[in-house]
Protein backbone atom coordinates (compact mmCIF):
# COMPACT_ATOMS: atom_id res chain seq x y z
CA UNK A 1 -139.08 66.98 -120.53
CA UNK A 2 -142.75 67.66 -121.20
CA UNK A 3 -142.90 64.60 -123.42
CA UNK A 4 -141.70 62.40 -120.54
CA UNK A 5 -144.42 63.67 -118.22
CA UNK A 6 -146.97 63.25 -121.03
CA UNK A 7 -145.96 59.65 -121.78
CA UNK A 8 -145.41 58.44 -118.23
CA UNK A 9 -149.07 57.88 -117.19
CA UNK A 10 -150.00 55.80 -120.27
CA UNK A 11 -146.82 53.73 -119.95
CA UNK A 12 -147.47 53.08 -116.25
CA UNK A 13 -151.10 52.14 -117.00
CA UNK A 14 -149.97 49.79 -119.79
CA UNK A 15 -147.47 48.06 -117.49
CA UNK A 16 -150.11 47.53 -114.80
CA UNK A 17 -152.63 46.33 -117.38
CA UNK A 18 -150.17 43.79 -118.78
CA UNK A 19 -149.44 42.62 -115.24
CA UNK A 20 -153.15 42.23 -114.54
CA UNK A 21 -153.67 40.19 -117.70
CA UNK A 22 -150.72 37.96 -116.79
CA UNK A 23 -152.14 37.32 -113.30
CA UNK A 24 -155.56 36.49 -114.76
CA UNK A 25 -154.08 34.07 -117.28
CA UNK A 26 -151.83 32.39 -114.71
CA UNK A 27 -154.67 31.85 -112.24
CA UNK A 28 -156.93 30.14 -114.77
CA UNK A 29 -157.10 26.40 -114.27
CA UNK A 30 -154.80 24.58 -111.91
CA UNK A 31 -155.71 23.54 -108.39
CA UNK A 32 -158.35 26.23 -107.96
CA UNK A 33 -160.26 25.31 -111.11
CA UNK A 34 -162.30 22.55 -109.45
CA UNK A 35 -163.17 24.83 -106.52
CA UNK A 36 -164.20 27.67 -108.84
CA UNK A 37 -166.25 25.33 -111.04
CA UNK A 38 -168.02 23.90 -107.98
CA UNK A 39 -168.83 27.39 -106.71
CA UNK A 40 -170.27 28.41 -110.08
CA UNK A 41 -172.28 25.19 -110.34
CA UNK A 42 -173.70 25.74 -106.84
CA UNK A 43 -174.65 29.34 -107.64
CA UNK A 44 -176.35 28.26 -110.87
CA UNK A 45 -178.24 25.51 -109.05
CA UNK A 46 -179.46 27.99 -106.44
CA UNK A 47 -180.55 30.43 -109.13
CA UNK A 48 -182.35 27.68 -111.03
CA UNK A 49 -184.09 26.49 -107.86
CA UNK A 50 -185.20 30.03 -107.06
CA UNK A 51 -186.46 30.56 -110.59
CA UNK A 52 -188.44 27.31 -110.56
CA UNK A 53 -189.90 28.05 -107.12
CA UNK A 54 -191.07 31.50 -108.21
CA UNK A 55 -192.69 30.22 -111.43
CA UNK A 56 -194.48 27.24 -109.85
CA UNK A 57 -198.23 28.00 -109.69
CA UNK A 58 -199.94 27.61 -106.33
CA UNK A 59 -202.67 25.13 -107.21
């Protein structure tokens, strides 16, 4: 029975990891893709605006 207790944690971790990967793959694209893309685009635009504002010389 020691082998069962030794193998149980890695098997449980593997099952949860596979489940996590399946959730990630299933949630890619679909209806939320446009929302996620818009959020990323907005964050990149803010970062670019901040970067340009901080590098603009005060003449």
